[in-house]
Amino acid sequence: MDKTVHLIKLCVGASGVNSLIDWQSSPRAKGPDGLPRHITRMWPKRQDEILNGGSLYWVFKGVVLARQRILRLDEVRGEDGILRCALVFDPEIFRTEAMPKRPFQGWRYLDPDVAPRDLSAERAMEENVPPKLLAALAEIGVR
């Protein structure tokens, strides 16, 4: 059976999941097909594993709080002529259990065995809790 791997990335410029949802509803965040995407400099070497059901896990202020399924990887040439990778997402954003994550640059691979689980529908509808509090709760094992 083919293996699946996820990506994890800091969500720069977004204060939380609702901010990401708002950004991705704007035309600037969408590709020509209308799907949300994120353009990155590096092309993942493990693309087959990513495209086998992988997601991008978003880190907000040091805490993973959401994920989006990666539908495909598109080549995009920037205005500077450099070829880049567009991560094309399913528009649905899933809220996840809080998982602390130290800052890092770019994206990293994330093994499914250590990825945070999706929140239940009831928990996903709870009022937003500040990321710092979620990080503190996750650090002591409260989910």
N, C-alpha and C. Protein backbone atom coordinates (compact mmCIF):
# COMPACT_ATOMS: atom_id res chain seq x y z
N MET A 1 0.85 -1.19 0.00
CA MET A 1 0.00 0.00 0.00
C MET A 1 0.89 1.24 0.00
N ASP A 2 0.50 2.25 -0.76
CA ASP A 2 1.26 3.48 -0.84
C ASP A 2 1.17 4.26 0.46
N LYS A 3 2.28 4.85 0.83
CA LYS A 3 2.37 5.63 2.06
C LYS A 3 1.84 7.05 1.81
N THR A 4 1.32 7.66 2.87
CA THR A 4 0.87 9.05 2.83
C THR A 4 1.76 9.86 3.75
N VAL A 5 2.06 11.08 3.34
CA VAL A 5 2.80 12.01 4.18
C VAL A 5 2.11 13.36 4.06
N HIS A 6 2.18 14.14 5.13
CA HIS A 6 1.58 15.47 5.16
C HIS A 6 2.70 16.52 5.14
N LEU A 7 2.29 17.76 4.96
CA LEU A 7 3.19 18.90 5.10
C LEU A 7 2.72 19.72 6.29
N ILE A 8 3.64 20.46 6.89
CA ILE A 8 3.30 21.38 7.97
C ILE A 8 3.97 22.71 7.66
N LYS A 9 3.25 23.82 7.91
CA LYS A 9 3.76 25.14 7.53
C LYS A 9 3.19 26.20 8.46
N LEU A 10 4.01 27.22 8.74
CA LEU A 10 3.51 28.36 9.51
C LEU A 10 2.52 29.13 8.66
N CYS A 11 1.43 29.57 9.26
CA CYS A 11 0.43 30.37 8.56
C CYS A 11 0.74 31.84 8.86
N VAL A 12 1.68 32.38 8.09
CA VAL A 12 2.15 33.74 8.30
C VAL A 12 1.06 34.74 7.88
N GLY A 13 0.82 35.71 8.74
CA GLY A 13 -0.13 36.77 8.41
C GLY A 13 -1.56 36.48 8.86
N ALA A 14 -1.82 35.27 9.32
CA ALA A 14 -3.16 34.93 9.79
C ALA A 14 -3.11 34.78 11.31
N SER A 15 -4.08 35.38 11.99
CA SER A 15 -4.11 35.32 13.45
C SER A 15 -4.73 34.03 13.97
N GLY A 16 -5.48 33.35 13.12
CA GLY A 16 -6.15 32.11 13.52
C GLY A 16 -6.85 31.49 12.34
N VAL A 17 -7.61 30.44 12.62
CA VAL A 17 -8.27 29.69 11.55
C VAL A 17 -9.26 30.57 10.79
N ASN A 18 -10.03 31.39 11.51
CA ASN A 18 -10.99 32.25 10.82
C ASN A 18 -10.31 33.23 9.89
N SER A 19 -9.15 33.71 10.28
CA SER A 19 -8.37 34.62 9.43
C SER A 19 -7.93 33.90 8.16
N LEU A 20 -7.51 32.64 8.27
CA LEU A 20 -7.13 31.84 7.10
C LEU A 20 -8.33 31.64 6.19
N ILE A 21 -9.48 31.33 6.76
CA ILE A 21 -10.70 31.14 5.98
C ILE A 21 -11.04 32.41 5.22
N ASP A 22 -10.96 33.56 5.89
CA ASP A 22 -11.23 34.85 5.23
C ASP A 22 -10.26 35.09 4.09
N TRP A 23 -8.95 34.85 4.32
CA TRP A 23 -7.95 35.06 3.28
C TRP A 23 -8.23 34.18 2.07
N GLN A 24 -8.53 32.90 2.32
CA GLN A 24 -8.71 31.98 1.20
C GLN A 24 -10.00 32.22 0.43
N SER A 25 -10.90 33.01 0.98
CA SER A 25 -12.11 33.35 0.23
C SER A 25 -11.86 34.53 -0.72
N SER A 26 -10.70 35.18 -0.58
CA SER A 26 -10.39 36.32 -1.45
C SER A 26 -9.85 35.83 -2.79
N PRO A 27 -10.08 36.58 -3.86
CA PRO A 27 -9.57 36.19 -5.19
C PRO A 27 -8.05 36.04 -5.23
N ARG A 28 -7.31 36.81 -4.43
CA ARG A 28 -5.84 36.75 -4.45
C ARG A 28 -5.30 35.41 -3.98
N ALA A 29 -6.07 34.69 -3.19
CA ALA A 29 -5.61 33.41 -2.65
C ALA A 29 -5.96 32.24 -3.54
N LYS A 30 -6.64 32.51 -4.65
CA LYS A 30 -7.12 31.42 -5.50
C LYS A 30 -6.36 31.38 -6.82
N GLY A 31 -6.27 30.17 -7.34
CA GLY A 31 -5.65 29.97 -8.64
C GLY A 31 -6.66 30.20 -9.75
N PRO A 32 -6.26 29.99 -11.00
CA PRO A 32 -7.16 30.20 -12.14
C PRO A 32 -8.40 29.31 -12.09
N ASP A 33 -8.32 28.17 -11.39
CA ASP A 33 -9.46 27.26 -11.29
C ASP A 33 -10.38 27.60 -10.12
N GLY A 34 -10.07 28.67 -9.37
CA GLY A 34 -10.90 29.09 -8.25
C GLY A 34 -10.60 28.39 -6.95
N LEU A 35 -9.63 27.46 -6.94
CA LEU A 35 -9.28 26.75 -5.71
C LEU A 35 -8.19 27.49 -4.95
N PRO A 36 -8.24 27.45 -3.62
CA PRO A 36 -7.19 28.11 -2.84
C PRO A 36 -5.85 27.41 -3.06
N ARG A 37 -4.79 28.21 -3.02
CA ARG A 37 -3.45 27.65 -3.21
C ARG A 37 -2.44 28.47 -2.45
N HIS A 38 -1.29 27.86 -2.25
CA HIS A 38 -0.17 28.54 -1.62
C HIS A 38 1.06 28.24 -2.47
N ILE A 39 1.77 29.28 -2.86
CA ILE A 39 2.95 29.10 -3.71
C ILE A 39 4.20 29.08 -2.84
N THR A 40 5.03 28.08 -3.09
CA THR A 40 6.25 27.90 -2.33
C THR A 40 7.43 27.72 -3.30
N ARG A 41 8.62 28.07 -2.84
CA ARG A 41 9.80 28.00 -3.71
C ARG A 41 10.21 26.57 -4.03
N MET A 42 10.10 25.69 -3.06
CA MET A 42 10.62 24.33 -3.22
C MET A 42 9.52 23.35 -3.64
N TRP A 43 9.90 22.40 -4.50
CA TRP A 43 8.98 21.35 -4.92
C TRP A 43 9.22 20.14 -4.01
N PRO A 44 8.16 19.60 -3.39
CA PRO A 44 8.35 18.45 -2.50
C PRO A 44 8.87 17.22 -3.25
N LYS A 45 9.92 16.63 -2.74
CA LYS A 45 10.49 15.42 -3.35
C LYS A 45 9.55 14.22 -3.14
N ARG A 46 8.74 14.29 -2.10
CA ARG A 46 7.84 13.17 -1.77
C ARG A 46 6.41 13.45 -2.29
N GLN A 47 6.32 13.99 -3.49
CA GLN A 47 5.02 14.42 -4.01
C GLN A 47 4.03 13.26 -4.13
N ASP A 48 4.46 12.06 -4.50
CA ASP A 48 3.53 10.94 -4.62
C ASP A 48 2.88 10.62 -3.28
N GLU A 49 3.65 10.71 -2.20
CA GLU A 49 3.11 10.43 -0.87
C GLU A 49 2.17 11.55 -0.43
N ILE A 50 2.47 12.78 -0.80
CA ILE A 50 1.60 13.91 -0.46
C ILE A 50 0.27 13.79 -1.20
N LEU A 51 0.35 13.43 -2.47
CA LEU A 51 -0.86 13.33 -3.29
C LEU A 51 -1.65 12.06 -3.03
N ASN A 52 -1.19 11.24 -2.11
CA ASN A 52 -1.89 10.02 -1.69
C ASN A 52 -2.71 10.28 -0.42
N GLY A 53 -3.42 11.42 -0.40
CA GLY A 53 -4.28 11.74 0.74
C GLY A 53 -3.65 12.67 1.75
N GLY A 54 -2.55 13.34 1.38
CA GLY A 54 -1.88 14.24 2.31
C GLY A 54 -2.59 15.57 2.48
N SER A 55 -2.29 16.21 3.59
CA SER A 55 -2.85 17.52 3.92
C SER A 55 -1.72 18.46 4.29
N LEU A 56 -2.02 19.75 4.30
CA LEU A 56 -1.11 20.75 4.84
C LEU A 56 -1.67 21.12 6.21
N TYR A 57 -0.85 20.97 7.24
CA TYR A 57 -1.23 21.35 8.61
C TYR A 57 -0.71 22.76 8.85
N TRP A 58 -1.63 23.66 9.24
CA TRP A 58 -1.33 25.08 9.42
C TRP A 58 -0.98 25.37 10.87
N VAL A 59 0.13 26.07 11.08
CA VAL A 59 0.59 26.48 12.42
C VAL A 59 0.29 27.96 12.61
N PHE A 60 -0.47 28.29 13.66
CA PHE A 60 -0.82 29.67 14.00
C PHE A 60 -0.18 30.02 15.34
N LYS A 61 0.70 31.00 15.34
CA LYS A 61 1.32 31.47 16.58
C LYS A 61 1.84 30.32 17.44
N GLY A 62 2.55 29.38 16.81
CA GLY A 62 3.18 28.29 17.53
C GLY A 62 2.31 27.09 17.82
N VAL A 63 1.11 27.03 17.23
CA VAL A 63 0.20 25.92 17.49
C VAL A 63 -0.46 25.47 16.20
N VAL A 64 -0.42 24.16 15.91
CA VAL A 64 -1.18 23.61 14.79
C VAL A 64 -2.64 23.64 15.20
N LEU A 65 -3.49 24.24 14.34
CA LEU A 65 -4.92 24.33 14.66
C LEU A 65 -5.82 23.88 13.52
N ALA A 66 -5.24 23.64 12.31
CA ALA A 66 -6.10 23.32 11.17
C ALA A 66 -5.29 22.57 10.11
N ARG A 67 -6.04 21.95 9.21
CA ARG A 67 -5.41 21.29 8.07
C ARG A 67 -6.30 21.44 6.84
N GLN A 68 -5.66 21.31 5.68
CA GLN A 68 -6.38 21.31 4.40
C GLN A 68 -5.82 20.21 3.53
N ARG A 69 -6.69 19.48 2.86
CA ARG A 69 -6.26 18.43 1.96
C ARG A 69 -5.57 19.04 0.74
N ILE A 70 -4.46 18.47 0.35
CA ILE A 70 -3.73 18.92 -0.84
C ILE A 70 -4.26 18.11 -2.03
N LEU A 71 -4.81 18.81 -3.01
CA LEU A 71 -5.39 18.15 -4.17
C LEU A 71 -4.35 17.86 -5.25
N ARG A 72 -3.45 18.82 -5.45
CA ARG A 72 -2.43 18.65 -6.48
C ARG A 72 -1.33 19.67 -6.29
N LEU A 73 -0.26 19.49 -7.05
CA LEU A 73 0.87 20.42 -7.06
C LEU A 73 0.98 20.95 -8.49
N ASP A 74 0.93 22.26 -8.64
CA ASP A 74 1.02 22.88 -9.97
C ASP A 74 2.32 23.65 -10.12
N GLU A 75 2.88 23.63 -11.31
CA GLU A 75 4.03 24.48 -11.60
C GLU A 75 3.55 25.89 -11.86
N VAL A 76 4.21 26.86 -11.26
CA VAL A 76 3.87 28.27 -11.44
C VAL A 76 5.17 29.04 -11.67
N ARG A 77 5.20 29.82 -12.72
CA ARG A 77 6.38 30.64 -12.99
C ARG A 77 6.11 32.05 -12.49
N GLY A 78 6.97 32.55 -11.61
CA GLY A 78 6.80 33.88 -11.05
C GLY A 78 7.17 34.96 -12.05
N GLU A 79 6.84 36.19 -11.70
CA GLU A 79 7.18 37.32 -12.56
C GLU A 79 8.69 37.44 -12.75
N ASP A 80 9.45 36.84 -11.82
CA ASP A 80 10.91 36.85 -11.92
C ASP A 80 11.44 35.73 -12.80
N GLY A 81 10.53 34.91 -13.35
CA GLY A 81 10.92 33.83 -14.24
C GLY A 81 11.27 32.54 -13.53
N ILE A 82 11.24 32.52 -12.19
CA ILE A 82 11.59 31.33 -11.43
C ILE A 82 10.38 30.40 -11.30
N LEU A 83 10.63 29.11 -11.55
CA LEU A 83 9.58 28.10 -11.44
C LEU A 83 9.37 27.75 -9.97
N ARG A 84 8.10 27.75 -9.54
CA ARG A 84 7.75 27.45 -8.16
C ARG A 84 6.66 26.39 -8.12
N CYS A 85 6.31 25.97 -6.90
CA CYS A 85 5.29 24.96 -6.68
C CYS A 85 4.06 25.60 -6.03
N ALA A 86 2.90 25.39 -6.62
CA ALA A 86 1.64 25.83 -6.02
C ALA A 86 0.98 24.62 -5.37
N LEU A 87 0.80 24.69 -4.06
CA LEU A 87 0.05 23.66 -3.34
C LEU A 87 -1.43 24.03 -3.53
N VAL A 88 -2.18 23.19 -4.20
CA VAL A 88 -3.59 23.47 -4.48
C VAL A 88 -4.43 22.69 -3.47
N PHE A 89 -5.31 23.41 -2.77
CA PHE A 89 -6.05 22.84 -1.65
C PHE A 89 -7.53 22.61 -1.96
N ASP A 90 -8.09 21.64 -1.25
CA ASP A 90 -9.53 21.52 -1.13
C ASP A 90 -9.96 22.74 -0.33
N PRO A 91 -11.03 23.43 -0.69
CA PRO A 91 -11.43 24.63 0.05
C PRO A 91 -11.83 24.37 1.51
N GLU A 92 -12.21 23.14 1.85
CA GLU A 92 -12.64 22.85 3.21
C GLU A 92 -11.44 22.83 4.15
N ILE A 93 -11.56 23.56 5.25
CA ILE A 93 -10.52 23.62 6.27
C ILE A 93 -11.04 22.87 7.50
N PHE A 94 -10.25 21.91 7.96
CA PHE A 94 -10.60 21.11 9.13
C PHE A 94 -9.85 21.63 10.33
N ARG A 95 -10.56 21.92 11.41
CA ARG A 95 -9.91 22.30 12.66
C ARG A 95 -9.36 21.03 13.31
N THR A 96 -8.18 21.16 13.90
CA THR A 96 -7.53 20.00 14.51
C THR A 96 -7.32 20.24 16.00
N GLU A 97 -6.94 19.17 16.68
CA GLU A 97 -6.51 19.32 18.06
C GLU A 97 -5.28 20.22 18.05
N ALA A 98 -5.11 20.97 19.12
CA ALA A 98 -3.95 21.86 19.23
C ALA A 98 -2.69 21.03 19.42
N MET A 99 -1.65 21.40 18.67
CA MET A 99 -0.35 20.74 18.81
C MET A 99 0.73 21.81 18.76
N PRO A 100 1.48 22.01 19.84
CA PRO A 100 2.54 23.03 19.82
C PRO A 100 3.59 22.71 18.76
N LYS A 101 4.10 23.76 18.12
CA LYS A 101 5.14 23.59 17.11
C LYS A 101 6.05 24.80 17.14
N ARG A 102 7.33 24.57 17.31
CA ARG A 102 8.31 25.66 17.31
C ARG A 102 8.42 26.27 15.92
N PRO A 103 8.83 27.54 15.84
CA PRO A 103 8.96 28.19 14.53
C PRO A 103 10.01 27.50 13.65
N PHE A 104 9.78 27.54 12.35
CA PHE A 104 10.70 27.00 11.36
C PHE A 104 10.42 27.73 10.05
N GLN A 105 11.34 27.62 9.11
CA GLN A 105 11.15 28.28 7.82
C GLN A 105 10.61 27.29 6.80
N GLY A 106 9.84 27.79 5.86
CA GLY A 106 9.33 26.94 4.78
C GLY A 106 8.31 25.94 5.28
N TRP A 107 8.34 24.75 4.70
CA TRP A 107 7.45 23.68 5.14
C TRP A 107 8.30 22.48 5.50
N ARG A 108 7.69 21.55 6.22
CA ARG A 108 8.35 20.31 6.63
C ARG A 108 7.38 19.17 6.35
N TYR A 109 7.92 17.96 6.24
CA TYR A 109 7.07 16.78 6.15
C TYR A 109 6.55 16.44 7.54
N LEU A 110 5.35 15.86 7.58
CA LEU A 110 4.72 15.48 8.84
C LEU A 110 4.18 14.07 8.69
N ASP A 111 4.66 13.17 9.51
CA ASP A 111 4.22 11.78 9.47
C ASP A 111 2.79 11.69 9.99
N PRO A 112 1.92 10.93 9.34
CA PRO A 112 0.53 10.81 9.80
C PRO A 112 0.41 10.30 11.24
N ASP A 113 1.39 9.52 11.70
CA ASP A 113 1.33 8.98 13.07
C ASP A 113 1.44 10.06 14.14
N VAL A 114 2.02 11.21 13.81
CA VAL A 114 2.18 12.27 14.80
C VAL A 114 1.32 13.50 14.49
N ALA A 115 0.56 13.44 13.42
CA ALA A 115 -0.31 14.57 13.05
C ALA A 115 -1.48 14.68 14.02
N PRO A 116 -1.87 15.90 14.38
CA PRO A 116 -3.02 16.04 15.28
C PRO A 116 -4.31 15.58 14.61
N ARG A 117 -5.20 15.06 15.43
CA ARG A 117 -6.49 14.58 14.91
C ARG A 117 -7.43 15.75 14.65
N ASP A 118 -8.37 15.52 13.73
CA ASP A 118 -9.42 16.51 13.48
C ASP A 118 -10.31 16.61 14.71
N LEU A 119 -10.81 17.81 14.96
CA LEU A 119 -11.77 17.99 16.05
C LEU A 119 -13.12 17.44 15.61
N SER A 120 -13.90 16.99 16.57
CA SER A 120 -15.27 16.57 16.27
C SER A 120 -16.05 17.81 15.83
N ALA A 121 -17.18 17.58 15.17
CA ALA A 121 -18.00 18.70 14.69
C ALA A 121 -18.40 19.63 15.84
N GLU A 122 -18.71 19.05 17.00
CA GLU A 122 -19.12 19.86 18.15
C GLU A 122 -17.96 20.74 18.63
N ARG A 123 -16.78 20.15 18.74
CA ARG A 123 -15.62 20.92 19.22
C ARG A 123 -15.17 21.95 18.20
N ALA A 124 -15.32 21.64 16.92
CA ALA A 124 -14.91 22.59 15.88
C ALA A 124 -15.78 23.84 15.91
N MET A 125 -16.97 23.73 16.44
CA MET A 125 -17.89 24.87 16.50
C MET A 125 -17.72 25.69 17.77
N GLU A 126 -16.87 25.23 18.70
CA GLU A 126 -16.66 25.97 19.94
C GLU A 126 -16.09 27.35 19.65
N GLU A 127 -16.33 28.25 20.56
CA GLU A 127 -15.79 29.59 20.43
C GLU A 127 -14.26 29.52 20.36
N ASN A 128 -13.68 30.41 19.61
CA ASN A 128 -12.22 30.40 19.44
C ASN A 128 -11.51 30.60 20.78
N VAL A 129 -10.53 29.75 21.00
CA VAL A 129 -9.68 29.85 22.18
C VAL A 129 -8.35 30.40 21.69
N PRO A 130 -7.75 31.35 22.42
CA PRO A 130 -6.47 31.92 21.98
C PRO A 130 -5.42 30.84 21.77
N PRO A 131 -4.63 30.93 20.68
CA PRO A 131 -3.61 29.93 20.40
C PRO A 131 -2.63 29.69 21.55
N LYS A 132 -2.26 30.74 22.29
CA LYS A 132 -1.32 30.55 23.41
C LYS A 132 -1.93 29.65 24.48
N LEU A 133 -3.23 29.82 24.75
CA LEU A 133 -3.89 28.97 25.74
C LEU A 133 -3.97 27.54 25.22
N LEU A 134 -4.30 27.37 23.93
CA LEU A 134 -4.35 26.03 23.35
C LEU A 134 -2.98 25.35 23.44
N ALA A 135 -1.92 26.11 23.18
CA ALA A 135 -0.57 25.56 23.26
C ALA A 135 -0.26 25.11 24.69
N ALA A 136 -0.62 25.94 25.66
CA ALA A 136 -0.37 25.59 27.07
C ALA A 136 -1.15 24.34 27.47
N LEU A 137 -2.40 24.26 27.04
CA LEU A 137 -3.21 23.08 27.35
C LEU A 137 -2.63 21.82 26.70
N ALA A 138 -2.19 21.96 25.44
CA ALA A 138 -1.60 20.81 24.74
C ALA A 138 -0.30 20.38 25.41
N GLU A 139 0.48 21.33 25.91
CA GLU A 139 1.76 21.01 26.57
C GLU A 139 1.54 20.14 27.81
N ILE A 140 0.43 20.35 28.50
CA ILE A 140 0.17 19.55 29.72
C ILE A 140 -0.74 18.36 29.44
N GLY A 141 -1.05 18.14 28.16
CA GLY A 141 -1.81 16.95 27.78
C GLY A 141 -3.31 17.09 27.79
N VAL A 142 -3.83 18.32 27.90
CA VAL A 142 -5.28 18.53 27.85
C VAL A 142 -5.65 18.77 26.40
N ARG A 143 -6.54 17.96 25.89
CA ARG A 143 -6.94 18.09 24.49
C ARG A 143 -8.31 18.63 24.45
